C-alpha atoms as a PDB file:
ATOM      1  CA  UNK A   1      -1.124   6.951  26.222  1.00  0.00           C
ATOM      2  CA  UNK A   2       0.218   5.032  23.240  1.00  0.00           C
ATOM      3  CA  UNK A   3       0.736   6.796  19.957  1.00  0.00           C
ATOM      4  CA  UNK A   4      -0.646   4.972  16.945  1.00  0.00           C
ATOM      5  CA  UNK A   5       1.787   4.622  14.102  1.00  0.00           C
ATOM      6  CA  UNK A   6       0.339   5.592  10.650  1.00  0.00           C
ATOM      7  CA  UNK A   7      -0.121   2.657   8.329  1.00  0.00           C
ATOM      8  CA  UNK A   8       0.434   2.926   4.563  1.00  0.00           C
ATOM      9  CA  UNK A   9      -0.676   0.486   1.914  1.00  0.00           C
ATOM     10  CA  UNK A  10       1.567   0.277  -1.135  1.00  0.00           C
ATOM     11  CA  UNK A  11      -0.133  -1.233  -4.191  1.00  0.00           C
ATOM     12  CA  UNK A  12       2.647  -1.838  -6.653  1.00  0.00           C
ATOM     13  CA  UNK A  13       3.969  -4.838  -8.653  1.00  0.00           C
ATOM     14  CA  UNK A  14       7.608  -3.755  -7.970  1.00  0.00           C
ATOM     15  CA  UNK A  15       8.606  -4.778  -4.432  1.00  0.00           C
ATOM     16  CA  UNK A  16      11.531  -2.373  -4.500  1.00  0.00           C
ATOM     17  CA  UNK A  17       9.068   0.561  -4.163  1.00  0.00           C
ATOM     18  CA  UNK A  18       7.924  -0.595  -0.666  1.00  0.00           C
ATOM     19  CA  UNK A  19      11.555  -1.286   0.312  1.00  0.00           C
ATOM     20  CA  UNK A  20      12.539   2.222  -0.765  1.00  0.00           C
ATOM     21  CA  UNK A  21       9.659   3.772   1.166  1.00  0.00           C
ATOM     22  CA  UNK A  22      10.508   1.770   4.319  1.00  0.00           C
ATOM     23  CA  UNK A  23      14.053   3.005   4.210  1.00  0.00           C
ATOM     24  CA  UNK A  24      12.997   6.612   3.578  1.00  0.00           C
ATOM     25  CA  UNK A  25      10.224   6.698   6.173  1.00  0.00           C
ATOM     26  CA  UNK A  26      10.988   4.255   9.024  1.00  0.00           C
ATOM     27  CA  UNK A  27       8.471   5.959  11.337  1.00  0.00           C
ATOM     28  CA  UNK A  28       5.557   4.457   9.396  1.00  0.00           C
ATOM     29  CA  UNK A  29       4.250   0.933   9.056  1.00  0.00           C
ATOM     30  CA  UNK A  30       4.047  -0.262   5.442  1.00  0.00           C
ATOM     31  CA  UNK A  31       1.924  -3.040   3.963  1.00  0.00           C
ATOM     32  CA  UNK A  32       2.423  -4.098   0.351  1.00  0.00           C
ATOM     33  CA  UNK A  33       0.376  -5.971  -2.226  1.00  0.00           C
ATOM     34  CA  UNK A  34       1.319  -6.683  -5.828  1.00  0.00           C
ATOM     35  CA  UNK A  35      -1.961  -5.830  -7.620  1.00  0.00           C
ATOM     36  CA  UNK A  36      -5.048  -3.693  -7.542  1.00  0.00           C
ATOM     37  CA  UNK A  37      -7.208  -6.793  -6.956  1.00  0.00           C
ATOM     38  CA  UNK A  38      -5.283  -7.850  -3.857  1.00  0.00           C
ATOM     39  CA  UNK A  39      -5.155  -4.211  -2.701  1.00  0.00           C
ATOM     40  CA  UNK A  40      -8.954  -3.988  -2.769  1.00  0.00           C
ATOM     41  CA  UNK A  41      -9.246  -7.281  -0.885  1.00  0.00           C
ATOM     42  CA  UNK A  42      -6.811  -5.968   1.759  1.00  0.00           C
ATOM     43  CA  UNK A  43      -8.875  -2.787   2.178  1.00  0.00           C
ATOM     44  CA  UNK A  44     -12.099  -4.747   2.586  1.00  0.00           C
ATOM     45  CA  UNK A  45     -10.737  -6.012   5.944  1.00  0.00           C
ATOM     46  CA  UNK A  46     -11.407  -3.859   8.986  1.00  0.00           C
ATOM     47  CA  UNK A  47      -7.789  -2.716   9.138  1.00  0.00           C
ATOM     48  CA  UNK A  48      -7.248   1.048   9.373  1.00  0.00           C
ATOM     49  CA  UNK A  49      -5.079   2.365   6.557  1.00  0.00           C
ATOM     50  CA  UNK A  50      -4.099   6.063   6.638  1.00  0.00           C
ATOM     51  CA  UNK A  51      -2.713   6.351   3.131  1.00  0.00           C
ATOM     52  CA  UNK A  52      -2.661   4.290  -0.111  1.00  0.00           C
ATOM     53  CA  UNK A  53       0.157   4.664  -2.591  1.00  0.00           C
ATOM     54  CA  UNK A  54      -1.092   3.214  -5.873  1.00  0.00           C
ATOM     55  CA  UNK A  55       1.020   2.446  -8.953  1.00  0.00           C
ATOM     56  CA  UNK A  56      -0.502   3.663 -12.164  1.00  0.00           C
ATOM     57  CA  UNK A  57       1.007   1.078 -14.477  1.00  0.00           C
ATOM     58  CA  UNK A  58       0.482  -2.506 -13.340  1.00  0.00           C
ATOM     59  CA  UNK A  59      -0.542  -5.701 -15.073  1.00  0.00           C
ATOM     60  CA  UNK A  60      -4.187  -6.640 -14.549  1.00  0.00           C
ATOM     61  CA  UNK A  61      -6.127  -3.814 -12.916  1.00  0.00           C
ATOM     62  CA  UNK A  62      -3.988  -0.716 -13.316  1.00  0.00           C
ATOM     63  CA  UNK A  63      -4.128   2.244 -10.901  1.00  0.00           C
ATOM     64  CA  UNK A  64      -7.105   3.876 -12.610  1.00  0.00           C
ATOM     65  CA  UNK A  65      -9.034   0.576 -12.821  1.00  0.00           C
ATOM     66  CA  UNK A  66      -8.416  -0.002  -9.138  1.00  0.00           C
ATOM     67  CA  UNK A  67      -9.798   3.436  -8.195  1.00  0.00           C
END
């Protein structure tokens, strides 16, 4: 029986955040988008995401606006 790897969506306009998380937690699969708008579009797909890490301060829709 295959074990499913947890998938994490990182919504942040700084790509270094995703890179840092990938280095710190290599056992997870990370997806990254640069804005709240693209994050919401990503989540509308049927993909299963186990955790969302959302930046509070972004241009456009900030973290609170995205929630």
